[in-house]
Protein backbone atom coordinates (compact mmCIF):
# COMPACT_ATOMS: atom_id res chain seq x y z
CA MET A 1 -3.56 -2.41 8.97
CA ARG A 2 -4.89 -5.37 10.90
CA LYS A 3 -2.05 -7.39 10.32
CA ALA A 4 1.40 -6.46 8.61
CA ALA A 5 5.17 -7.38 8.91
CA ARG A 6 7.53 -4.87 10.37
CA PRO A 7 9.09 -3.22 6.91
CA GLY A 8 12.53 -3.55 6.61
CA ARG A 9 15.48 -2.26 3.53
CA THR A 10 16.10 -4.68 0.68
CA GLY A 11 18.12 -7.81 1.84
CA ASP A 12 17.03 -7.57 5.03
CA ALA A 13 15.80 -10.99 6.54
CA ALA A 14 12.18 -11.80 7.23
CA ILE A 15 10.66 -9.82 10.48
CA ALA A 16 8.04 -10.86 13.09
CA SER A 17 4.55 -10.36 12.19
CA VAL A 18 3.26 -7.72 14.44
CA THR A 19 -0.42 -6.04 14.44
CA THR A 20 -1.02 -2.76 13.62
CA VAL A 21 -4.65 -0.91 14.19
CA ALA A 22 -4.15 2.80 13.31
CA LEU A 23 -4.81 2.27 9.73
CA CYS A 24 -7.79 -0.01 9.74
CA CYS A 25 -10.37 1.22 12.48
CA GLY A 26 -13.14 1.88 10.32
CA ALA A 27 -14.37 4.83 11.91
CA TRP A 28 -16.77 5.87 9.20
CA LEU A 29 -18.71 2.40 8.85
CA LEU A 30 -18.87 2.60 12.71
CA HIS A 31 -20.42 5.26 13.16
CA SER A 32 -22.10 6.36 10.15
CA ALA A 33 -26.01 6.31 10.60
CA ALA A 34 -26.88 5.29 7.30
CA ALA A 35 -25.33 1.81 5.79
CA PRO A 36 -22.41 3.23 4.02
CA GLN A 37 -21.26 1.03 1.31
CA ALA A 38 -18.34 -0.74 2.29
CA PRO A 39 -14.95 -0.03 0.21
CA PRO A 40 -14.61 -2.44 -2.74
CA GLN A 41 -12.58 -5.79 -2.59
CA PRO A 42 -10.06 -7.24 -5.07
CA SER A 43 -11.63 -10.02 -7.46
CA ALA A 44 -9.81 -13.39 -7.79
CA ALA A 45 -9.09 -12.51 -11.63
CA GLN A 46 -6.73 -9.64 -10.11
CA ALA A 47 -4.44 -11.73 -7.98
CA ALA A 48 -1.38 -12.72 -9.12
CA ALA A 49 -0.54 -15.60 -11.58
CA GLY A 50 2.69 -17.42 -12.46
CA THR A 51 6.42 -16.94 -10.93
CA ASP A 52 6.89 -14.06 -8.90
CA HIS A 53 9.04 -11.13 -10.33
CA GLU A 54 7.58 -11.93 -14.06
CA GLY A 55 7.43 -8.86 -16.40
CA ALA A 56 10.02 -6.42 -17.93
CA ALA A 57 11.16 -3.94 -15.46
CA ALA A 58 12.91 -0.47 -16.37
CA PRO A 59 16.15 0.23 -14.97
CA ALA A 60 16.41 0.82 -11.31
CA LEU A 61 16.62 4.81 -10.81
CA PRO A 62 18.99 6.17 -8.20
CA PRO A 63 17.47 7.04 -4.42
CA SER A 64 15.21 9.61 -4.05
CA PRO A 65 12.52 10.35 -1.58
CA PRO A 66 8.63 10.57 -2.98
CA ASP A 67 6.57 13.49 -2.75
CA ARG A 68 3.36 12.51 -4.22
CA ILE A 69 1.21 9.37 -5.76
CA ARG A 70 -1.14 9.34 -8.45
CA ILE A 71 -3.31 6.20 -9.45
CA PRO A 72 -5.40 7.84 -12.43
CA SER A 73 -7.94 4.92 -12.74
CA ILE A 74 -8.94 5.06 -9.18
CA ARG A 75 -8.70 8.75 -8.85
CA VAL A 76 -6.20 8.94 -6.53
CA ASP A 77 -3.72 12.17 -6.45
CA ALA A 78 -2.24 12.57 -2.90
CA PRO A 79 0.78 14.14 -1.45
CA LEU A 80 3.53 11.43 0.52
CA ILE A 81 4.61 11.86 4.17
CA GLY A 82 7.64 9.85 5.55
CA LEU A 83 6.26 6.91 7.86
CA GLY A 84 8.08 5.76 10.91
CA LEU A 85 7.48 2.61 12.69
CA THR A 86 5.95 2.45 16.17
CA LYS A 87 7.43 1.36 19.27
CA ALA A 88 5.77 -2.41 18.68
CA GLY A 89 7.68 -2.18 15.49
CA SER A 90 4.54 -1.61 12.81
CA LEU A 91 4.23 0.66 10.42
CA ASN A 92 2.88 4.06 11.58
CA ALA A 93 0.01 5.49 9.90
CA PRO A 94 -0.70 8.95 7.95
CA PRO A 95 -2.97 11.06 10.09
CA PRO A 96 -6.52 9.92 10.00
CA GLU A 97 -7.87 13.66 9.60
CA GLN A 98 -6.19 14.08 6.46
CA LYS A 99 -7.75 12.02 4.29
CA ASN A 100 -5.99 12.45 0.85
CA LEU A 101 -2.91 12.09 2.43
CA ALA A 102 -0.47 8.58 2.17
CA GLY A 103 2.73 7.72 3.52
CA TRP A 104 5.83 5.75 2.68
CA TYR A 105 8.42 3.81 4.90
CA GLU A 106 11.41 6.19 4.99
CA ALA A 107 13.55 4.15 6.22
CA GLY A 108 13.29 1.59 3.36
CA THR A 109 13.46 1.29 -0.38
CA THR A 110 12.85 4.69 -2.25
CA PRO A 111 10.12 3.94 -4.99
CA GLY A 112 12.04 3.50 -8.23
CA GLU A 113 14.93 2.17 -6.88
CA THR A 114 15.59 -1.61 -6.61
CA GLY A 115 13.98 -3.43 -4.03
CA THR A 116 10.30 -3.15 -2.36
CA ALA A 117 8.88 0.12 -1.50
CA ILE A 118 6.23 0.40 0.56
CA VAL A 119 3.45 3.05 0.45
CA ALA A 120 0.31 3.02 2.89
CA GLY A 121 -2.74 4.97 3.37
CA HIS A 122 -6.21 5.05 5.04
CA VAL A 123 -9.44 3.65 3.48
CA ASP A 124 -11.53 5.95 5.18
CA ASN A 125 -12.14 8.20 8.61
CA ALA A 126 -14.60 9.38 10.84
CA GLN A 127 -16.12 11.46 7.71
CA GLY A 128 -16.08 8.95 4.84
CA PRO A 129 -13.80 7.37 2.07
CA ALA A 130 -10.14 8.28 2.72
CA VAL A 131 -7.12 8.28 0.16
CA PHE A 132 -7.10 4.53 -0.73
CA TYR A 133 -11.25 3.82 -0.52
CA ASP A 134 -11.20 2.35 -3.80
CA LEU A 135 -7.55 0.70 -4.10
CA GLY A 136 -9.22 -2.45 -4.16
CA ALA A 137 -11.02 -1.61 -7.71
CA LEU A 138 -7.79 -1.17 -9.33
CA ALA A 139 -6.70 -3.73 -12.05
CA LYS A 140 -3.30 -5.50 -13.55
CA GLY A 141 -2.01 -3.37 -15.79
CA SER A 142 -3.24 -0.01 -14.17
CA MET A 143 -0.49 2.72 -13.88
CA ILE A 144 0.67 4.23 -10.79
CA GLU A 145 3.26 7.29 -11.04
CA VAL A 146 5.20 8.82 -7.58
CA ASP A 147 6.48 11.92 -7.91
CA ARG A 148 10.01 12.11 -6.60
CA ARG A 149 12.22 15.25 -4.70
CA ASN A 150 14.67 15.26 -7.28
CA GLY A 151 12.37 16.17 -10.29
CA SER A 152 11.54 12.71 -11.59
CA THR A 153 8.58 10.16 -11.73
CA ALA A 154 8.72 7.03 -11.64
CA VAL A 155 6.11 4.85 -13.54
CA PHE A 156 4.71 1.41 -12.33
CA THR A 157 2.47 -1.05 -13.53
CA VAL A 158 0.44 -2.90 -11.75
CA ASP A 159 0.78 -6.99 -11.59
CA ALA A 160 -1.74 -7.86 -8.75
CA VAL A 161 -4.17 -6.41 -6.40
CA GLU A 162 -4.88 -8.95 -3.34
CA VAL A 163 -6.51 -8.82 0.02
CA TYR A 164 -5.51 -11.30 2.64
CA GLN A 165 -7.16 -12.04 6.17
CA ALA A 166 -5.05 -10.69 9.03
CA LYS A 167 -3.82 -14.30 10.29
CA ALA A 168 -2.69 -15.01 6.68
CA PHE A 169 -0.99 -12.01 6.00
CA PRO A 170 2.04 -12.68 3.98
CA ASP A 171 4.84 -10.81 5.33
CA ASP A 172 7.89 -12.01 3.23
CA LYS A 173 5.63 -11.53 -0.40
CA VAL A 174 4.64 -8.35 0.97
CA TYR A 175 7.66 -6.44 2.38
CA GLY A 176 10.48 -9.34 1.25
CA ALA A 177 13.50 -8.05 -0.65
CA ALA A 178 13.01 -7.98 -4.67
CA PRO A 179 15.67 -8.02 -7.09
CA ARG A 180 13.99 -5.26 -9.47
CA PRO A 181 12.59 -1.80 -8.63
CA GLU A 182 9.12 -2.84 -7.09
CA LEU A 183 6.22 -1.13 -4.86
CA ARG A 184 3.55 -2.33 -2.73
CA VAL A 185 0.68 -0.02 -1.94
CA ILE A 186 -1.35 -1.12 1.13
CA THR A 187 -4.77 -0.19 2.71
CA CYS A 188 -7.21 -2.05 5.09
CA GLY A 189 -9.89 -4.52 3.72
CA GLY A 190 -10.74 -7.96 4.10
CA GLY A 191 -14.29 -7.62 5.42
CA TYR A 192 -15.16 -5.39 8.45
CA SER A 193 -16.50 -5.84 12.00
CA LYS A 194 -17.63 -3.28 14.38
CA THR A 195 -16.10 -5.29 17.05
CA THR A 196 -12.41 -5.22 15.56
CA GLY A 197 -12.62 -3.05 12.39
CA TYR A 198 -11.18 -4.30 9.07
CA GLN A 199 -10.25 -7.82 9.00
CA GLY A 200 -7.01 -7.56 7.06
CA ASN A 201 -5.32 -5.89 3.89
CA VAL A 202 -5.57 -4.87 0.45
CA VAL A 203 -2.03 -5.18 -0.99
CA VAL A 204 -1.12 -3.93 -4.51
CA PHE A 205 2.29 -5.38 -6.35
CA ALA A 206 3.68 -3.56 -8.97
CA HIS A 207 6.70 -2.83 -10.77
CA LEU A 208 9.03 -0.14 -12.36
CA THR A 209 7.83 -0.04 -16.04
CA GLY A 210 9.27 3.97 -16.88
CA SER A 211 10.41 7.16 -15.90
CA ARG A 212 10.21 10.66 -16.82
């Protein structure tokens, strides 16, 4: 991630920004002999409209660590591992060599409980597209399912898909506390430079609408 905030648990104050590079190197675009197609980026039509926290939410679930994330409309079906923070305070990244793997911030909110849960994954690796390569193509109203360790599945509905340049990353909007169960799914985006890699982040905003 080119620009991100240090995530915190729900209720934490605004946290200082840090730069994360592990998630957004763009190794495939840099080293491919051919001219690979860049990952899709969200259109303005997928941005948030109206006030924050709009739309009915399902009742919050009890805390339970997540094991898997599925986003059927972009063919994501990936295991989740716990992620911590680097010494610089940025969110660590899943191992880049495992392209179908995502991670969640395990010191924060678990997906489905009240607050803002964070999931992150690579857009590509040296071999090609990775787990969230198509995240920028996700549309409002799409479904995200998160399997939880207690046997339940949290079902989220996408409210918005936005892309932010590194210098304009809205830390509070992405990582801030929420009064209902919300989910952020984050990968790299915002254009690409061979010198610096990806220039920003694609962020999906979603809220809990069901469970089973």
